[in-house]
Amino acid sequence: MPEAVIVSALRTPIGTARKGTLRDTSAFDLAHHVVSETAKDLDPTQVDDVILGEGLYGGGVIARHAAITTGLTQVPGLANNRHCAAGQAAVQSAAASVRAGMDRLVIAGGVNSASTSPRARMQVDGEWVDWFPPTHPDSPEAPNLDMSITVGWNAAVKAGVSREEMDAWALRSHRNAIAAIDEGRFKEEIVPIETPHGLFAVDEHPRRDTTMEKLAALKPLHPEIEGFSITAGNACGANDGAAALTIASDELGLPALATVRSWASVGVDPA
């Protein structure tokens, strides 16, 4: 059985949703950018598929759109949605297909535009809101439950994670990201992108000025739940960006960055 290897990994810089540099760049444009940059180093006749995950699905098969606009007109496209894990699911699908011998080279990755997705900004009772409330009867998310409650909070309660521990972990994450940016650790993987607001080349979501005091001052996302301690500061932020990997069979003999040998996805009981 062939091994599935990662032979390239590229991404856009990560933009802060609704206020950042990518706020006016669509998911289609983000996907096109990383797929086209990835395809530059590939023989287009060898690409078997393009698979992209999109957490905030906006309509159309974004992977096929990226393939066509890149010039891979004879390559099919598959879009999936596992929300935050959509990109991971795309890579899993590509690796499984390569390991099964059905494909030999696949471009796989993920894209998300929390700024422009119609599911991220909708009208509720005549007014525009940033996120369509899951409790609203017209919400496409009505059958689902808020992840911060069903997964984040339940996991925190069961594991006994305190608000202070959450804030400390968040602060550590910001500091590690800033250090990596300053040391140039992300330069090889980032492909700068032209936007209506200029050339964008550096992640903008990590906050240099974050402190434990500032994090502690933030209100919980669901104050109606007693003891709820997940905030905008210790939770993952809403972002814009895209990434693409080249997943290939080791039988092609391409230089490999890593081998994809196994993976797992788990559903957490919301109760």
C-alpha atoms as a PDB file:
ATOM      1  CA  MET A   1       0.000   0.000   0.000  1.00  0.00           C
ATOM      2  CA  PRO A   2       1.416   3.410  -0.904  1.00  0.00           C
ATOM      3  CA  GLU A   3       2.126   5.943   1.823  1.00  0.00           C
ATOM      4  CA  ALA A   4       0.533   9.392   1.727  1.00  0.00           C
ATOM      5  CA  VAL A   5       3.192  12.078   2.092  1.00  0.00           C
ATOM      6  CA  ILE A   6       2.980  15.852   2.406  1.00  0.00           C
ATOM      7  CA  VAL A   7       5.271  17.436  -0.166  1.00  0.00           C
ATOM      8  CA  SER A   8       4.309  21.095   0.248  1.00  0.00           C
ATOM      9  CA  ALA A   9       2.429  23.286   2.713  1.00  0.00           C
ATOM     10  CA  LEU A  10       1.426  26.890   2.041  1.00  0.00           C
ATOM     11  CA  ARG A  11      -0.990  29.342   3.605  1.00  0.00           C
ATOM     12  CA  THR A  12      -2.110  32.930   3.557  1.00  0.00           C
ATOM     13  CA  PRO A  13      -1.399  35.123   6.554  1.00  0.00           C
ATOM     14  CA  ILE A  14      -4.276  34.906   9.047  1.00  0.00           C
ATOM     15  CA  GLY A  15      -6.492  37.979   9.186  1.00  0.00           C
ATOM     16  CA  THR A  16      -8.768  39.131  11.978  1.00  0.00           C
ATOM     17  CA  ALA A  17     -12.396  38.763  10.939  1.00  0.00           C
ATOM     18  CA  ARG A  18     -14.489  41.819  10.104  1.00  0.00           C
ATOM     19  CA  LYS A  19     -11.762  44.332  11.019  1.00  0.00           C
ATOM     20  CA  GLY A  20      -8.613  42.884   9.484  1.00  0.00           C
ATOM     21  CA  THR A  21      -6.802  43.143   6.175  1.00  0.00           C
ATOM     22  CA  LEU A  22      -8.708  40.219   4.616  1.00  0.00           C
ATOM     23  CA  ARG A  23     -12.136  41.560   5.561  1.00  0.00           C
ATOM     24  CA  ASP A  24     -13.004  42.310   1.919  1.00  0.00           C
ATOM     25  CA  THR A  25     -11.346  39.231   0.391  1.00  0.00           C
ATOM     26  CA  SER A  26     -13.766  36.409  -0.373  1.00  0.00           C
ATOM     27  CA  ALA A  27     -13.262  32.766   0.495  1.00  0.00           C
ATOM     28  CA  PHE A  28     -13.114  32.045  -3.250  1.00  0.00           C
ATOM     29  CA  ASP A  29     -10.196  34.473  -3.661  1.00  0.00           C
ATOM     30  CA  LEU A  30      -8.398  33.071  -0.620  1.00  0.00           C
ATOM     31  CA  ALA A  31      -8.788  29.517  -1.912  1.00  0.00           C
ATOM     32  CA  HIS A  32      -7.651  30.479  -5.412  1.00  0.00           C
ATOM     33  CA  HIS A  33      -4.532  32.117  -3.996  1.00  0.00           C
ATOM     34  CA  VAL A  34      -3.241  29.118  -2.048  1.00  0.00           C
ATOM     35  CA  VAL A  35      -4.232  26.552  -4.683  1.00  0.00           C
ATOM     36  CA  SER A  36      -2.605  28.533  -7.507  1.00  0.00           C
ATOM     37  CA  GLU A  37       0.586  29.034  -5.486  1.00  0.00           C
ATOM     38  CA  THR A  38       0.659  25.312  -4.672  1.00  0.00           C
ATOM     39  CA  ALA A  39       0.070  24.314  -8.300  1.00  0.00           C
ATOM     40  CA  LYS A  40       3.060  26.355  -9.523  1.00  0.00           C
ATOM     41  CA  ASP A  41       5.409  23.558  -8.483  1.00  0.00           C
ATOM     42  CA  LEU A  42       3.252  20.712  -9.820  1.00  0.00           C
ATOM     43  CA  ASP A  43       2.702  19.068 -13.182  1.00  0.00           C
ATOM     44  CA  PRO A  44      -0.990  19.854 -13.770  1.00  0.00           C
ATOM     45  CA  THR A  45      -1.473  16.539 -15.564  1.00  0.00           C
ATOM     46  CA  GLN A  46      -0.552  14.707 -12.348  1.00  0.00           C
ATOM     47  CA  VAL A  47      -3.070  16.454 -10.071  1.00  0.00           C
ATOM     48  CA  ASP A  48      -5.970  14.063  -9.456  1.00  0.00           C
ATOM     49  CA  ASP A  49      -8.197  16.177  -7.234  1.00  0.00           C
ATOM     50  CA  VAL A  50      -8.577  19.376  -5.233  1.00  0.00           C
ATOM     51  CA  ILE A  51     -10.274  18.947  -1.846  1.00  0.00           C
ATOM     52  CA  LEU A  52     -11.011  21.944   0.368  1.00  0.00           C
ATOM     53  CA  GLY A  53     -12.816  22.259   3.665  1.00  0.00           C
ATOM     54  CA  GLU A  54     -14.827  25.402   4.352  1.00  0.00           C
ATOM     55  CA  GLY A  55     -16.126  25.957   7.868  1.00  0.00           C
ATOM     56  CA  LEU A  56     -18.548  28.744   7.001  1.00  0.00           C
ATOM     57  CA  TYR A  57     -19.886  27.344   3.760  1.00  0.00           C
ATOM     58  CA  GLY A  58     -20.967  30.114   1.411  1.00  0.00           C
ATOM     59  CA  GLY A  59     -22.321  28.205  -1.581  1.00  0.00           C
ATOM     60  CA  GLY A  60     -20.833  26.555  -4.649  1.00  0.00           C
ATOM     61  CA  VAL A  61     -18.014  24.001  -4.768  1.00  0.00           C
ATOM     62  CA  ILE A  62     -15.117  26.198  -3.727  1.00  0.00           C
ATOM     63  CA  ALA A  63     -12.505  23.530  -4.519  1.00  0.00           C
ATOM     64  CA  ARG A  64     -13.672  23.194  -8.123  1.00  0.00           C
ATOM     65  CA  HIS A  65     -13.755  26.992  -8.455  1.00  0.00           C
ATOM     66  CA  ALA A  66     -10.146  27.166  -7.234  1.00  0.00           C
ATOM     67  CA  ALA A  67      -9.096  24.420  -9.644  1.00  0.00           C
ATOM     68  CA  ILE A  68     -10.695  26.126 -12.655  1.00  0.00           C
ATOM     69  CA  THR A  69      -9.348  29.602 -11.865  1.00  0.00           C
ATOM     70  CA  THR A  70      -5.895  28.111 -11.329  1.00  0.00           C
ATOM     71  CA  GLY A  71      -5.922  26.464 -14.751  1.00  0.00           C
ATOM     72  CA  LEU A  72      -6.550  22.922 -13.504  1.00  0.00           C
ATOM     73  CA  THR A  73      -9.675  22.769 -15.629  1.00  0.00           C
ATOM     74  CA  GLN A  74      -9.633  18.969 -15.973  1.00  0.00           C
ATOM     75  CA  VAL A  75      -9.250  18.398 -12.228  1.00  0.00           C
ATOM     76  CA  PRO A  76     -12.400  17.770 -10.169  1.00  0.00           C
ATOM     77  CA  GLY A  77     -13.084  19.527  -6.892  1.00  0.00           C
ATOM     78  CA  LEU A  78     -14.611  18.409  -3.607  1.00  0.00           C
ATOM     79  CA  ALA A  79     -15.766  20.721  -0.804  1.00  0.00           C
ATOM     80  CA  ASN A  80     -16.576  19.469   2.680  1.00  0.00           C
ATOM     81  CA  ASN A  81     -17.751  21.028   5.918  1.00  0.00           C
ATOM     82  CA  ARG A  82     -16.798  19.888   9.391  1.00  0.00           C
ATOM     83  CA  HIS A  83     -16.759  23.465  10.654  1.00  0.00           C
ATOM     84  CA  CYS A  84     -13.495  24.089  12.544  1.00  0.00           C
ATOM     85  CA  ALA A  85     -12.085  20.731  11.407  1.00  0.00           C
ATOM     86  CA  ALA A  86     -13.089  21.118   7.745  1.00  0.00           C
ATOM     87  CA  GLY A  87      -9.517  21.572   6.527  1.00  0.00           C
ATOM     88  CA  GLN A  88      -8.345  18.590   8.549  1.00  0.00           C
ATOM     89  CA  ALA A  89     -11.148  16.497   7.042  1.00  0.00           C
ATOM     90  CA  ALA A  90     -10.012  17.511   3.555  1.00  0.00           C
ATOM     91  CA  VAL A  91      -6.471  16.324   4.284  1.00  0.00           C
ATOM     92  CA  GLN A  92      -7.836  13.081   5.742  1.00  0.00           C
ATOM     93  CA  SER A  93      -9.880  12.470   2.590  1.00  0.00           C
ATOM     94  CA  ALA A  94      -6.873  13.128   0.380  1.00  0.00           C
ATOM     95  CA  ALA A  95      -4.581  10.886   2.412  1.00  0.00           C
ATOM     96  CA  ALA A  96      -7.137   8.065   2.477  1.00  0.00           C
ATOM     97  CA  SER A  97      -7.562   8.229  -1.294  1.00  0.00           C
ATOM     98  CA  VAL A  98      -3.803   8.180  -1.864  1.00  0.00           C
ATOM     99  CA  ARG A  99      -3.270   5.295   0.568  1.00  0.00           C
ATOM    100  CA  ALA A 100      -6.043   3.345  -1.172  1.00  0.00           C
ATOM    101  CA  GLY A 101      -4.312   3.839  -4.511  1.00  0.00           C
ATOM    102  CA  MET A 102      -7.249   5.741  -6.013  1.00  0.00           C
ATOM    103  CA  ASP A 103      -5.305   9.013  -6.342  1.00  0.00           C
ATOM    104  CA  ARG A 104      -1.607   9.748  -6.535  1.00  0.00           C
ATOM    105  CA  LEU A 105      -1.498  13.514  -6.029  1.00  0.00           C
ATOM    106  CA  VAL A 106      -4.118  15.733  -4.397  1.00  0.00           C
ATOM    107  CA  ILE A 107      -4.174  19.393  -3.359  1.00  0.00           C
ATOM    108  CA  ALA A 108      -6.003  19.536  -0.022  1.00  0.00           C
ATOM    109  CA  GLY A 109      -6.597  22.213   2.577  1.00  0.00           C
ATOM    110  CA  GLY A 110      -9.050  24.611   4.101  1.00  0.00           C
ATOM    111  CA  VAL A 111     -10.445  28.107   3.730  1.00  0.00           C
ATOM    112  CA  ASN A 112     -12.565  30.354   5.861  1.00  0.00           C
ATOM    113  CA  SER A 113     -13.786  33.920   5.530  1.00  0.00           C
ATOM    114  CA  ALA A 114     -15.662  34.833   8.671  1.00  0.00           C
ATOM    115  CA  SER A 115     -15.769  38.387   7.317  1.00  0.00           C
ATOM    116  CA  THR A 116     -17.589  37.718   4.053  1.00  0.00           C
ATOM    117  CA  SER A 117     -19.508  34.478   4.531  1.00  0.00           C
ATOM    118  CA  PRO A 118     -23.270  34.991   4.277  1.00  0.00           C
ATOM    119  CA  ARG A 119     -23.596  32.664   7.247  1.00  0.00           C
ATOM    120  CA  ALA A 120     -21.336  34.867   9.352  1.00  0.00           C
ATOM    121  CA  ARG A 121     -23.241  38.086   8.789  1.00  0.00           C
ATOM    122  CA  MET A 122     -27.000  37.978   8.398  1.00  0.00           C
ATOM    123  CA  GLN A 123     -30.012  40.128   9.061  1.00  0.00           C
ATOM    124  CA  VAL A 124     -31.901  39.376  12.236  1.00  0.00           C
ATOM    125  CA  ASP A 125     -35.120  41.307  12.768  1.00  0.00           C
ATOM    126  CA  GLY A 126     -34.010  43.853  10.172  1.00  0.00           C
ATOM    127  CA  GLU A 127     -30.532  44.474  11.607  1.00  0.00           C
ATOM    128  CA  TRP A 128     -27.136  43.124  10.568  1.00  0.00           C
ATOM    129  CA  VAL A 129     -25.414  41.009  13.198  1.00  0.00           C
ATOM    130  CA  ASP A 130     -21.952  39.463  13.248  1.00  0.00           C
ATOM    131  CA  TRP A 131     -23.165  35.946  13.982  1.00  0.00           C
ATOM    132  CA  PHE A 132     -26.652  34.633  13.299  1.00  0.00           C
ATOM    133  CA  PRO A 133     -27.913  33.466  16.714  1.00  0.00           C
ATOM    134  CA  PRO A 134     -28.451  29.673  16.813  1.00  0.00           C
ATOM    135  CA  THR A 135     -31.558  30.287  18.919  1.00  0.00           C
ATOM    136  CA  HIS A 136     -33.224  32.441  16.257  1.00  0.00           C
ATOM    137  CA  PRO A 137     -35.977  30.435  14.495  1.00  0.00           C
ATOM    138  CA  ASP A 138     -34.710  31.448  11.045  1.00  0.00           C
ATOM    139  CA  SER A 139     -31.103  30.525  11.747  1.00  0.00           C
ATOM    140  CA  PRO A 140     -29.538  27.808   9.556  1.00  0.00           C
ATOM    141  CA  GLU A 141     -27.734  26.762  12.747  1.00  0.00           C
ATOM    142  CA  ALA A 142     -30.957  26.284  14.718  1.00  0.00           C
ATOM    143  CA  PRO A 143     -30.614  22.464  14.822  1.00  0.00           C
ATOM    144  CA  ASN A 144     -27.083  22.815  16.209  1.00  0.00           C
ATOM    145  CA  LEU A 145     -25.848  24.014  19.575  1.00  0.00           C
ATOM    146  CA  ASP A 146     -23.246  26.622  20.482  1.00  0.00           C
ATOM    147  CA  MET A 147     -19.810  24.955  20.440  1.00  0.00           C
ATOM    148  CA  SER A 148     -18.582  27.096  23.320  1.00  0.00           C
ATOM    149  CA  ILE A 149     -21.292  25.514  25.473  1.00  0.00           C
ATOM    150  CA  THR A 150     -21.528  21.963  24.153  1.00  0.00           C
ATOM    151  CA  VAL A 151     -17.817  21.299  23.816  1.00  0.00           C
ATOM    152  CA  GLY A 152     -15.704  24.076  25.302  1.00  0.00           C
ATOM    153  CA  TRP A 153     -17.587  24.607  28.523  1.00  0.00           C
ATOM    154  CA  ASN A 154     -18.522  20.977  29.149  1.00  0.00           C
ATOM    155  CA  ALA A 155     -14.921  19.931  28.618  1.00  0.00           C
ATOM    156  CA  ALA A 156     -13.678  22.676  30.946  1.00  0.00           C
ATOM    157  CA  VAL A 157     -16.110  21.642  33.680  1.00  0.00           C
ATOM    158  CA  LYS A 158     -15.304  17.941  33.381  1.00  0.00           C
ATOM    159  CA  ALA A 159     -11.560  18.602  33.343  1.00  0.00           C
ATOM    160  CA  GLY A 160     -11.728  21.153  36.150  1.00  0.00           C
ATOM    161  CA  VAL A 161     -10.089  23.928  34.103  1.00  0.00           C
ATOM    162  CA  SER A 162     -10.373  27.308  35.831  1.00  0.00           C
ATOM    163  CA  ARG A 163     -10.832  30.741  34.248  1.00  0.00           C
ATOM    164  CA  GLU A 164      -7.303  31.650  35.307  1.00  0.00           C
ATOM    165  CA  GLU A 165      -5.892  28.549  33.612  1.00  0.00           C
ATOM    166  CA  MET A 166      -7.800  29.360  30.420  1.00  0.00           C
ATOM    167  CA  ASP A 167      -6.495  32.921  30.411  1.00  0.00           C
ATOM    168  CA  ALA A 168      -2.928  31.782  31.110  1.00  0.00           C
ATOM    169  CA  TRP A 169      -3.069  29.319  28.213  1.00  0.00           C
ATOM    170  CA  ALA A 170      -4.399  32.031  25.906  1.00  0.00           C
ATOM    171  CA  LEU A 171      -1.641  34.439  26.941  1.00  0.00           C
ATOM    172  CA  ARG A 172       0.975  31.753  26.308  1.00  0.00           C
ATOM    173  CA  SER A 173      -0.492  31.129  22.843  1.00  0.00           C
ATOM    174  CA  HIS A 174      -0.318  34.820  21.918  1.00  0.00           C
ATOM    175  CA  ARG A 175       3.258  35.134  23.182  1.00  0.00           C
ATOM    176  CA  ASN A 176       4.388  31.995  21.346  1.00  0.00           C
ATOM    177  CA  ALA A 177       2.790  33.219  18.117  1.00  0.00           C
ATOM    178  CA  ILE A 178       4.396  36.657  18.399  1.00  0.00           C
ATOM    179  CA  ALA A 179       7.800  35.097  19.094  1.00  0.00           C
ATOM    180  CA  ALA A 180       7.461  32.829  16.055  1.00  0.00           C
ATOM    181  CA  ILE A 181       6.474  35.793  13.864  1.00  0.00           C
ATOM    182  CA  ASP A 182       9.415  37.877  15.088  1.00  0.00           C
ATOM    183  CA  GLU A 183      11.817  34.977  14.496  1.00  0.00           C
ATOM    184  CA  GLY A 184      10.536  34.508  10.940  1.00  0.00           C
ATOM    185  CA  ARG A 185       9.392  30.942  11.548  1.00  0.00           C
ATOM    186  CA  PHE A 186       6.317  31.304   9.323  1.00  0.00           C
ATOM    187  CA  LYS A 187       7.927  33.019   6.339  1.00  0.00           C
ATOM    188  CA  GLU A 188       8.471  29.869   4.278  1.00  0.00           C
ATOM    189  CA  GLU A 189       4.862  28.732   4.557  1.00  0.00           C
ATOM    190  CA  ILE A 190       3.153  32.106   4.049  1.00  0.00           C
ATOM    191  CA  VAL A 191       2.307  33.315   0.548  1.00  0.00           C
ATOM    192  CA  PRO A 192       1.560  37.070   0.767  1.00  0.00           C
ATOM    193  CA  ILE A 193      -1.693  38.143  -0.854  1.00  0.00           C
ATOM    194  CA  GLU A 194      -2.745  41.409  -2.486  1.00  0.00           C
ATOM    195  CA  THR A 195      -5.911  42.846  -0.945  1.00  0.00           C
ATOM    196  CA  PRO A 196      -7.953  46.046  -1.353  1.00  0.00           C
ATOM    197  CA  HIS A 197      -6.036  47.234   1.708  1.00  0.00           C
ATOM    198  CA  GLY A 198      -2.541  46.460   0.424  1.00  0.00           C
ATOM    199  CA  LEU A 199      -0.133  43.524   0.417  1.00  0.00           C
ATOM    200  CA  PHE A 200      -0.796  41.261   3.392  1.00  0.00           C
ATOM    201  CA  ALA A 201       2.138  39.146   4.579  1.00  0.00           C
ATOM    202  CA  VAL A 202       2.076  38.783   8.392  1.00  0.00           C
ATOM    203  CA  ASP A 203      -0.490  37.195  10.710  1.00  0.00           C
ATOM    204  CA  GLU A 204      -2.405  39.950  12.449  1.00  0.00           C
ATOM    205  CA  HIS A 205      -4.563  38.108  14.978  1.00  0.00           C
ATOM    206  CA  PRO A 206      -1.954  37.502  17.733  1.00  0.00           C
ATOM    207  CA  ARG A 207      -1.997  40.417  20.185  1.00  0.00           C
ATOM    208  CA  ARG A 208       1.296  41.848  21.383  1.00  0.00           C
ATOM    209  CA  ASP A 209      -0.325  43.852  24.156  1.00  0.00           C
ATOM    210  CA  THR A 210      -2.303  41.026  25.764  1.00  0.00           C
ATOM    211  CA  THR A 211      -1.831  40.603  29.519  1.00  0.00           C
ATOM    212  CA  MET A 212      -3.435  38.507  32.230  1.00  0.00           C
ATOM    213  CA  GLU A 213      -5.071  41.666  33.547  1.00  0.00           C
ATOM    214  CA  LYS A 214      -6.676  42.464  30.185  1.00  0.00           C
ATOM    215  CA  LEU A 215      -7.857  38.894  29.752  1.00  0.00           C
ATOM    216  CA  ALA A 216      -9.316  38.817  33.250  1.00  0.00           C
ATOM    217  CA  ALA A 217     -11.335  41.970  32.544  1.00  0.00           C
ATOM    218  CA  LEU A 218     -13.267  40.392  29.661  1.00  0.00           C
ATOM    219  CA  LYS A 219     -16.838  39.279  30.237  1.00  0.00           C
ATOM    220  CA  PRO A 220     -17.844  35.646  29.621  1.00  0.00           C
ATOM    221  CA  LEU A 221     -19.545  34.813  26.334  1.00  0.00           C
ATOM    222  CA  HIS A 222     -22.599  33.414  28.115  1.00  0.00           C
ATOM    223  CA  PRO A 223     -23.088  35.338  31.370  1.00  0.00           C
ATOM    224  CA  GLU A 224     -26.502  33.714  31.763  1.00  0.00           C
ATOM    225  CA  ILE A 225     -24.741  30.424  32.578  1.00  0.00           C
ATOM    226  CA  GLU A 226     -23.482  30.404  36.153  1.00  0.00           C
ATOM    227  CA  GLY A 227     -19.704  30.156  36.326  1.00  0.00           C
ATOM    228  CA  PHE A 228     -19.234  30.268  32.541  1.00  0.00           C
ATOM    229  CA  SER A 229     -15.638  31.357  31.941  1.00  0.00           C
ATOM    230  CA  ILE A 230     -14.998  31.202  28.193  1.00  0.00           C
ATOM    231  CA  THR A 231     -14.373  34.714  26.842  1.00  0.00           C
ATOM    232  CA  ALA A 232     -13.391  36.401  23.587  1.00  0.00           C
ATOM    233  CA  GLY A 233      -9.866  36.466  24.991  1.00  0.00           C
ATOM    234  CA  ASN A 234      -9.340  32.817  25.913  1.00  0.00           C
ATOM    235  CA  ALA A 235     -11.315  31.308  23.019  1.00  0.00           C
ATOM    236  CA  CYS A 236     -10.167  31.000  19.429  1.00  0.00           C
ATOM    237  CA  GLY A 237     -10.884  34.191  17.542  1.00  0.00           C
ATOM    238  CA  ALA A 238     -12.834  34.545  14.298  1.00  0.00           C
ATOM    239  CA  ASN A 239     -10.377  34.712  11.412  1.00  0.00           C
ATOM    240  CA  ASP A 240      -9.956  34.825   7.638  1.00  0.00           C
ATOM    241  CA  GLY A 241      -7.436  32.741   5.714  1.00  0.00           C
ATOM    242  CA  ALA A 242      -6.644  29.657   3.652  1.00  0.00           C
ATOM    243  CA  ALA A 243      -4.070  26.868   3.502  1.00  0.00           C
ATOM    244  CA  ALA A 244      -3.211  24.111   1.026  1.00  0.00           C
ATOM    245  CA  LEU A 245      -1.089  20.970   1.190  1.00  0.00           C
ATOM    246  CA  THR A 246       0.121  18.722  -1.583  1.00  0.00           C
ATOM    247  CA  ILE A 247      -0.663  15.132  -0.583  1.00  0.00           C
ATOM    248  CA  ALA A 248       1.126  12.621  -2.796  1.00  0.00           C
ATOM    249  CA  SER A 249       1.867   8.937  -3.068  1.00  0.00           C
ATOM    250  CA  ASP A 250       5.384   8.107  -1.940  1.00  0.00           C
ATOM    251  CA  GLU A 251       5.659   6.067  -5.136  1.00  0.00           C
ATOM    252  CA  LEU A 252       6.030   9.341  -7.067  1.00  0.00           C
ATOM    253  CA  GLY A 253       9.381   9.885  -5.340  1.00  0.00           C
ATOM    254  CA  LEU A 254       8.748  13.530  -4.452  1.00  0.00           C
ATOM    255  CA  PRO A 255      10.683  15.017  -1.484  1.00  0.00           C
ATOM    256  CA  ALA A 256       8.456  14.627   1.574  1.00  0.00           C
ATOM    257  CA  LEU A 257       7.965  16.945   4.537  1.00  0.00           C
ATOM    258  CA  ALA A 258       5.934  14.390   6.499  1.00  0.00           C
ATOM    259  CA  THR A 259       3.975  11.157   6.178  1.00  0.00           C
ATOM    260  CA  VAL A 260       0.255  10.960   6.998  1.00  0.00           C
ATOM    261  CA  ARG A 261      -0.177   7.550   8.618  1.00  0.00           C
ATOM    262  CA  SER A 262      -3.264   7.856  10.809  1.00  0.00           C
ATOM    263  CA  TRP A 263      -5.892  10.287  12.054  1.00  0.00           C
ATOM    264  CA  ALA A 264      -9.005  10.439  14.182  1.00  0.00           C
ATOM    265  CA  SER A 265     -12.138  12.560  14.523  1.00  0.00           C
ATOM    266  CA  VAL A 266     -14.360  12.484  17.593  1.00  0.00           C
ATOM    267  CA  GLY A 267     -17.840  13.784  18.305  1.00  0.00           C
ATOM    268  CA  VAL A 268     -18.358  15.175  21.810  1.00  0.00           C
ATOM    269  CA  ASP A 269     -21.704  14.474  23.467  1.00  0.00           C
ATOM    270  CA  PRO A 270     -23.312  17.922  23.912  1.00  0.00           C
ATOM    271  CA  ALA A 271     -25.251  16.822  26.980  1.00  0.00           C
END
